[in-house]
Amino acid sequence: MKERIIDPQFDPDREKKIFKMYVSIPEEEEERLTAKEKVGHLRFE
């Protein structure tokens, strides 16, 4: 799975004020999210 960032100049490691970030992944890939408990999740069905 390739990471996609809409703005090529955006570097999440340099940003100090990220309040919300949404990531869309297939349901079968959810177990690969290692920090899901820390960041929470939303599901739209």
Protein backbone atom coordinates (compact mmCIF):
# COMPACT_ATOMS: atom_id res chain seq x y z
CA MET A 1 0.00 0.00 0.00
CA LYS A 2 1.47 3.33 -1.08
CA GLU A 3 1.16 6.44 1.09
CA ARG A 4 -0.55 9.31 -0.72
CA ILE A 5 -0.34 12.93 0.33
CA ILE A 6 -2.38 15.47 -1.62
CA ASP A 7 0.03 18.37 -1.03
CA PRO A 8 3.57 17.23 -1.91
CA GLN A 9 5.07 20.00 0.28
CA PHE A 10 3.16 18.84 3.37
CA ASP A 11 5.42 17.04 5.83
CA PRO A 12 3.47 15.74 8.86
CA ASP A 13 6.72 15.24 10.77
CA ARG A 14 7.51 18.97 10.56
CA GLU A 15 4.03 20.24 11.40
CA LYS A 16 3.51 21.15 15.03
CA LYS A 17 -0.23 21.88 14.83
CA ILE A 18 -2.09 19.01 13.26
CA PHE A 19 -5.51 18.80 14.84
CA LYS A 20 -7.27 16.34 12.54
CA MET A 21 -6.06 14.03 9.86
CA TYR A 22 -8.30 11.57 8.08
CA VAL A 23 -7.00 8.47 6.35
CA SER A 24 -9.05 6.20 4.16
CA ILE A 25 -8.00 2.56 3.96
CA PRO A 26 -9.78 -0.64 2.98
CA GLU A 27 -11.42 -2.44 5.90
CA GLU A 28 -9.23 -5.51 5.39
CA GLU A 29 -6.11 -3.35 5.96
CA GLU A 30 -7.23 -1.99 9.36
CA GLU A 31 -5.21 -4.52 11.36
CA ARG A 32 -2.04 -2.94 9.94
CA LEU A 33 -2.77 0.35 11.75
CA THR A 34 -0.47 0.10 14.74
CA ALA A 35 -1.51 3.34 16.48
CA LYS A 36 -5.27 3.11 15.98
CA GLU A 37 -5.88 3.07 19.74
CA LYS A 38 -3.94 6.32 20.13
CA VAL A 39 -5.55 8.26 17.30
CA GLY A 40 -9.06 6.83 17.24
CA HIS A 41 -11.05 5.96 14.17
CA LEU A 42 -14.27 6.65 12.28
CA ARG A 43 -16.22 4.22 10.17
CA PHE A 44 -18.84 5.09 7.58
CA GLU A 45 -20.82 2.15 6.31
